[in-house]
Amino acid sequence: MKELLLTLAQALVDYPEQVSVNQIEGEKSIILELKVAPEDMGKIIGKQGRIARAVRTLVKAAAAHQGKRVVVEIIQ
């Protein structure tokens, strides 16, 4: 899931080299912290959060196959 989120985010932003994903694993859940350049925050979030919601949906669907729960946090 970390690689999926990294690939999606790098495709959406102007500065793909500044995209990083930190993975924190728990027993049943995984927290993915997505960090992008400040200039790219709007591109990751999208109008009314539509892109962020779509990215979260894709990552959650991939995690469902592994029986895990994923939380995607966008941080600065």
C-alpha atoms as a PDB file:
ATOM      1  CA  MET A   1       0.000   0.000   0.000  1.00  0.00           C
ATOM      2  CA  LYS A   2       2.883   2.353   0.696  1.00  0.00           C
ATOM      3  CA  GLU A   3       4.140   1.965  -2.873  1.00  0.00           C
ATOM      4  CA  LEU A   4       0.651   2.460  -4.296  1.00  0.00           C
ATOM      5  CA  LEU A   5       0.158   5.701  -2.366  1.00  0.00           C
ATOM      6  CA  LEU A   6       3.623   6.930  -3.345  1.00  0.00           C
ATOM      7  CA  THR A   7       2.998   6.238  -7.039  1.00  0.00           C
ATOM      8  CA  LEU A   8      -0.421   7.919  -6.996  1.00  0.00           C
ATOM      9  CA  ALA A   9       0.861  10.999  -5.189  1.00  0.00           C
ATOM     10  CA  GLN A  10       3.915  11.404  -7.424  1.00  0.00           C
ATOM     11  CA  ALA A  11       1.683  11.325 -10.497  1.00  0.00           C
ATOM     12  CA  LEU A  12      -0.490  14.145  -9.149  1.00  0.00           C
ATOM     13  CA  VAL A  13       2.075  16.716  -7.976  1.00  0.00           C
ATOM     14  CA  ASP A  14       4.523  19.158  -9.572  1.00  0.00           C
ATOM     15  CA  TYR A  15       7.407  18.148  -7.290  1.00  0.00           C
ATOM     16  CA  PRO A  16       7.390  14.319  -7.175  1.00  0.00           C
ATOM     17  CA  GLU A  17      10.851  14.178  -5.601  1.00  0.00           C
ATOM     18  CA  GLN A  18       9.448  15.803  -2.434  1.00  0.00           C
ATOM     19  CA  VAL A  19       6.735  13.177  -1.913  1.00  0.00           C
ATOM     20  CA  SER A  20       7.301  10.801   0.984  1.00  0.00           C
ATOM     21  CA  VAL A  21       5.178   8.176   2.696  1.00  0.00           C
ATOM     22  CA  ASN A  22       5.735   7.035   6.271  1.00  0.00           C
ATOM     23  CA  GLN A  23       4.101   3.740   7.243  1.00  0.00           C
ATOM     24  CA  ILE A  24       3.118   3.000  10.844  1.00  0.00           C
ATOM     25  CA  GLU A  25       1.868  -0.546  11.343  1.00  0.00           C
ATOM     26  CA  GLY A  26      -0.400  -1.779  14.056  1.00  0.00           C
ATOM     27  CA  GLU A  27      -1.995  -5.159  14.664  1.00  0.00           C
ATOM     28  CA  LYS A  28      -5.031  -4.694  12.429  1.00  0.00           C
ATOM     29  CA  SER A  29      -4.438  -1.266  10.946  1.00  0.00           C
ATOM     30  CA  ILE A  30      -1.849   0.712   9.032  1.00  0.00           C
ATOM     31  CA  ILE A  31      -1.404   4.478   9.122  1.00  0.00           C
ATOM     32  CA  LEU A  32       0.141   6.006   6.013  1.00  0.00           C
ATOM     33  CA  GLU A  33       1.403   9.566   6.406  1.00  0.00           C
ATOM     34  CA  LEU A  34       1.688  11.325   3.060  1.00  0.00           C
ATOM     35  CA  LYS A  35       3.948  14.357   2.955  1.00  0.00           C
ATOM     36  CA  VAL A  36       4.173  16.635  -0.094  1.00  0.00           C
ATOM     37  CA  ALA A  37       5.628  20.046  -0.881  1.00  0.00           C
ATOM     38  CA  PRO A  38       3.502  22.957   0.433  1.00  0.00           C
ATOM     39  CA  GLU A  39       2.872  24.077  -3.154  1.00  0.00           C
ATOM     40  CA  ASP A  40       1.341  20.675  -3.957  1.00  0.00           C
ATOM     41  CA  MET A  41      -1.131  20.458  -1.064  1.00  0.00           C
ATOM     42  CA  GLY A  42      -3.974  21.763  -3.211  1.00  0.00           C
ATOM     43  CA  LYS A  43      -3.285  19.208  -5.924  1.00  0.00           C
ATOM     44  CA  ILE A  44      -3.363  16.313  -3.459  1.00  0.00           C
ATOM     45  CA  ILE A  45      -6.500  17.511  -1.683  1.00  0.00           C
ATOM     46  CA  GLY A  46      -8.402  18.698  -4.762  1.00  0.00           C
ATOM     47  CA  LYS A  47     -11.586  20.716  -4.888  1.00  0.00           C
ATOM     48  CA  GLN A  48     -13.674  19.963  -1.811  1.00  0.00           C
ATOM     49  CA  GLY A  49     -11.320  17.068  -1.008  1.00  0.00           C
ATOM     50  CA  ARG A  50     -12.331  14.961  -3.993  1.00  0.00           C
ATOM     51  CA  ILE A  51      -8.834  13.820  -4.978  1.00  0.00           C
ATOM     52  CA  ALA A  52      -7.892  13.029  -1.370  1.00  0.00           C
ATOM     53  CA  ARG A  53     -11.095  11.005  -1.001  1.00  0.00           C
ATOM     54  CA  ALA A  54     -10.392   9.110  -4.233  1.00  0.00           C
ATOM     55  CA  VAL A  55      -6.811   8.317  -3.197  1.00  0.00           C
ATOM     56  CA  ARG A  56      -8.013   7.080   0.197  1.00  0.00           C
ATOM     57  CA  THR A  57     -10.639   4.894  -1.489  1.00  0.00           C
ATOM     58  CA  LEU A  58      -8.048   3.275  -3.776  1.00  0.00           C
ATOM     59  CA  VAL A  59      -5.655   2.555  -0.930  1.00  0.00           C
ATOM     60  CA  LYS A  60      -8.449   1.174   1.279  1.00  0.00           C
ATOM     61  CA  ALA A  61      -9.570  -1.131  -1.530  1.00  0.00           C
ATOM     62  CA  ALA A  62      -6.038  -2.483  -1.891  1.00  0.00           C
ATOM     63  CA  ALA A  63      -5.800  -3.001   1.885  1.00  0.00           C
ATOM     64  CA  ALA A  64      -9.093  -4.881   2.008  1.00  0.00           C
ATOM     65  CA  HIS A  65      -7.463  -7.753   0.123  1.00  0.00           C
ATOM     66  CA  GLN A  66      -4.948  -8.111   2.956  1.00  0.00           C
ATOM     67  CA  GLY A  67      -7.579  -7.873   5.684  1.00  0.00           C
ATOM     68  CA  LYS A  68      -6.109  -4.678   7.076  1.00  0.00           C
ATOM     69  CA  ARG A  69      -7.576  -1.259   7.798  1.00  0.00           C
ATOM     70  CA  VAL A  70      -5.723   1.723   6.339  1.00  0.00           C
ATOM     71  CA  VAL A  71      -5.815   5.356   7.350  1.00  0.00           C
ATOM     72  CA  VAL A  72      -4.229   7.876   4.979  1.00  0.00           C
ATOM     73  CA  GLU A  73      -3.170  11.144   6.592  1.00  0.00           C
ATOM     74  CA  ILE A  74      -1.962  14.072   4.533  1.00  0.00           C
ATOM     75  CA  ILE A  75       0.548  16.074   6.545  1.00  0.00           C
ATOM     76  CA  GLN A  76       2.694  19.104   5.863  1.00  0.00           C
END
